[in-house]
Amino acid sequence: MIDKIASPTQTELRNGPAGETWGAKQGLLDGLFEPVAAYLAGAVEAAGASRLLDVGCGTGATTLGAARRLGPTGSALGIDLSAPMIARARERAAAEAL
């Protein structure tokens, strides 16, 4: 019988070094995922949506892109397991008054 090695949960990973690294590399990662974020924000706009729930929002690139497209009468909410990533997303949203 093979003994199982305990591995960290997603919550533990995203609230530890992985979440901190993602936040530290936010600019690089935003650049890599920009085509996807732009596509999703455009789809929100094309659908005539007024609200968005972004599950697994990370540092908020997709949520913020959608919020920009939805404008002041719309609502974009991002959720994530990672406290460091949510903190960075909140900072970014506040800096853009979104």
C-alpha atoms as a PDB file:
ATOM      1  CA  MET A   1       0.000   0.000   0.000  1.00  0.00           C
ATOM      2  CA  ILE A   2       1.255   3.451  -0.899  1.00  0.00           C
ATOM      3  CA  ASP A   3       1.175   6.063   1.836  1.00  0.00           C
ATOM      4  CA  LYS A   4      -0.423   9.303   0.799  1.00  0.00           C
ATOM      5  CA  ILE A   5       1.624  12.415   1.304  1.00  0.00           C
ATOM      6  CA  ALA A   6      -0.395  15.283   2.682  1.00  0.00           C
ATOM      7  CA  SER A   7      -0.592  18.106   0.202  1.00  0.00           C
ATOM      8  CA  PRO A   8      -1.791  21.630   0.875  1.00  0.00           C
ATOM      9  CA  THR A   9      -5.341  22.561  -0.013  1.00  0.00           C
ATOM     10  CA  GLN A  10      -6.104  25.188  -2.638  1.00  0.00           C
ATOM     11  CA  THR A  11      -6.973  27.620   0.129  1.00  0.00           C
ATOM     12  CA  GLU A  12      -3.621  27.033   1.824  1.00  0.00           C
ATOM     13  CA  LEU A  13      -1.738  27.413  -1.461  1.00  0.00           C
ATOM     14  CA  ARG A  14      -3.515  30.584  -2.503  1.00  0.00           C
ATOM     15  CA  ASN A  15      -3.105  32.199   0.907  1.00  0.00           C
ATOM     16  CA  GLY A  16       0.569  31.279   1.132  1.00  0.00           C
ATOM     17  CA  PRO A  17       3.507  31.743  -1.197  1.00  0.00           C
ATOM     18  CA  ALA A  18       1.490  31.056  -4.367  1.00  0.00           C
ATOM     19  CA  GLY A  19      -0.933  33.897  -3.645  1.00  0.00           C
ATOM     20  CA  GLU A  20       1.874  36.233  -2.659  1.00  0.00           C
ATOM     21  CA  THR A  21       3.834  35.389  -5.812  1.00  0.00           C
ATOM     22  CA  TRP A  22       0.764  35.919  -8.017  1.00  0.00           C
ATOM     23  CA  GLY A  23       0.318  39.369  -6.473  1.00  0.00           C
ATOM     24  CA  ALA A  24       3.997  40.202  -6.901  1.00  0.00           C
ATOM     25  CA  LYS A  25       3.896  39.136 -10.560  1.00  0.00           C
ATOM     26  CA  GLN A  26       0.536  40.796 -11.239  1.00  0.00           C
ATOM     27  CA  GLY A  27       1.826  43.020 -14.062  1.00  0.00           C
ATOM     28  CA  LEU A  28       3.389  40.112 -15.928  1.00  0.00           C
ATOM     29  CA  LEU A  29       0.364  37.877 -15.435  1.00  0.00           C
ATOM     30  CA  ASP A  30      -2.069  40.630 -16.452  1.00  0.00           C
ATOM     31  CA  GLY A  31      -0.129  40.952 -19.700  1.00  0.00           C
ATOM     32  CA  LEU A  32      -0.275  37.217 -20.348  1.00  0.00           C
ATOM     33  CA  PHE A  33      -4.002  36.998 -19.643  1.00  0.00           C
ATOM     34  CA  GLU A  34      -4.955  40.332 -21.265  1.00  0.00           C
ATOM     35  CA  PRO A  35      -6.454  38.746 -24.416  1.00  0.00           C
ATOM     36  CA  VAL A  36      -8.704  36.535 -22.287  1.00  0.00           C
ATOM     37  CA  ALA A  37      -9.689  39.425 -19.997  1.00  0.00           C
ATOM     38  CA  ALA A  38     -10.499  41.630 -23.017  1.00  0.00           C
ATOM     39  CA  TYR A  39     -12.557  38.866 -24.618  1.00  0.00           C
ATOM     40  CA  LEU A  40     -14.551  38.253 -21.440  1.00  0.00           C
ATOM     41  CA  ALA A  41     -15.150  41.968 -20.832  1.00  0.00           C
ATOM     42  CA  GLY A  42     -16.353  42.313 -24.420  1.00  0.00           C
ATOM     43  CA  ALA A  43     -18.685  39.336 -23.979  1.00  0.00           C
ATOM     44  CA  VAL A  44     -20.185  40.942 -20.876  1.00  0.00           C
ATOM     45  CA  GLU A  45     -20.794  44.152 -22.806  1.00  0.00           C
ATOM     46  CA  ALA A  46     -22.165  42.340 -25.886  1.00  0.00           C
ATOM     47  CA  ALA A  47     -24.596  40.360 -23.729  1.00  0.00           C
ATOM     48  CA  GLY A  48     -26.045  43.588 -22.380  1.00  0.00           C
ATOM     49  CA  ALA A  49     -25.242  42.500 -18.840  1.00  0.00           C
ATOM     50  CA  SER A  50     -25.424  44.949 -15.974  1.00  0.00           C
ATOM     51  CA  ARG A  51     -23.876  42.671 -13.335  1.00  0.00           C
ATOM     52  CA  LEU A  52     -20.971  40.236 -13.241  1.00  0.00           C
ATOM     53  CA  LEU A  53     -19.755  37.688 -10.686  1.00  0.00           C
ATOM     54  CA  ASP A  54     -16.134  36.721 -11.327  1.00  0.00           C
ATOM     55  CA  VAL A  55     -15.366  33.480  -9.455  1.00  0.00           C
ATOM     56  CA  GLY A  56     -11.634  33.016  -8.993  1.00  0.00           C
ATOM     57  CA  CYS A  57     -10.856  36.646  -9.804  1.00  0.00           C
ATOM     58  CA  GLY A  58      -7.259  36.577  -8.592  1.00  0.00           C
ATOM     59  CA  THR A  59      -5.882  40.129  -8.511  1.00  0.00           C
ATOM     60  CA  GLY A  60      -8.927  41.422 -10.371  1.00  0.00           C
ATOM     61  CA  ALA A  61      -7.871  41.968 -13.983  1.00  0.00           C
ATOM     62  CA  THR A  62     -10.995  40.401 -15.488  1.00  0.00           C
ATOM     63  CA  THR A  63     -13.318  41.887 -12.882  1.00  0.00           C
ATOM     64  CA  LEU A  64     -11.871  45.366 -13.401  1.00  0.00           C
ATOM     65  CA  GLY A  65     -12.071  45.046 -17.185  1.00  0.00           C
ATOM     66  CA  ALA A  66     -15.737  44.131 -16.922  1.00  0.00           C
ATOM     67  CA  ALA A  67     -16.395  46.942 -14.429  1.00  0.00           C
ATOM     68  CA  ARG A  68     -14.925  49.462 -16.860  1.00  0.00           C
ATOM     69  CA  ARG A  69     -17.243  48.198 -19.614  1.00  0.00           C
ATOM     70  CA  LEU A  70     -20.315  48.067 -17.356  1.00  0.00           C
ATOM     71  CA  GLY A  71     -19.820  51.673 -16.291  1.00  0.00           C
ATOM     72  CA  PRO A  72     -21.169  53.453 -13.232  1.00  0.00           C
ATOM     73  CA  THR A  73     -24.616  51.850 -13.422  1.00  0.00           C
ATOM     74  CA  GLY A  74     -23.213  48.307 -13.566  1.00  0.00           C
ATOM     75  CA  SER A  75     -21.768  46.056 -10.892  1.00  0.00           C
ATOM     76  CA  ALA A  76     -18.794  43.684 -11.013  1.00  0.00           C
ATOM     77  CA  LEU A  77     -17.947  41.514  -8.013  1.00  0.00           C
ATOM     78  CA  GLY A  78     -14.872  39.316  -7.799  1.00  0.00           C
ATOM     79  CA  ILE A  79     -14.358  36.496  -5.318  1.00  0.00           C
ATOM     80  CA  ASP A  80     -11.292  34.365  -4.669  1.00  0.00           C
ATOM     81  CA  LEU A  81      -9.867  32.005  -2.051  1.00  0.00           C
ATOM     82  CA  SER A  82      -6.719  34.102  -1.764  1.00  0.00           C
ATOM     83  CA  ALA A  83      -6.687  36.920   0.771  1.00  0.00           C
ATOM     84  CA  PRO A  84      -3.482  38.433  -0.741  1.00  0.00           C
ATOM     85  CA  MET A  85      -5.010  38.430  -4.230  1.00  0.00           C
ATOM     86  CA  ILE A  86      -8.318  39.910  -3.027  1.00  0.00           C
ATOM     87  CA  ALA A  87      -6.393  42.620  -1.169  1.00  0.00           C
ATOM     88  CA  ARG A  88      -4.557  43.514  -4.388  1.00  0.00           C
ATOM     89  CA  ALA A  89      -7.804  43.486  -6.398  1.00  0.00           C
ATOM     90  CA  ARG A  90      -9.377  45.857  -3.877  1.00  0.00           C
ATOM     91  CA  GLU A  91      -6.373  48.192  -4.103  1.00  0.00           C
ATOM     92  CA  ARG A  92      -6.627  48.215  -7.885  1.00  0.00           C
ATOM     93  CA  ALA A  93     -10.386  48.848  -7.824  1.00  0.00           C
ATOM     94  CA  ALA A  94      -9.954  51.726  -5.357  1.00  0.00           C
ATOM     95  CA  ALA A  95      -7.168  53.268  -7.450  1.00  0.00           C
ATOM     96  CA  GLU A  96      -9.541  53.337 -10.450  1.00  0.00           C
ATOM     97  CA  ALA A  97     -12.601  54.275  -8.369  1.00  0.00           C
ATOM     98  CA  LEU A  98     -14.368  51.130  -9.605  1.00  0.00           C
END
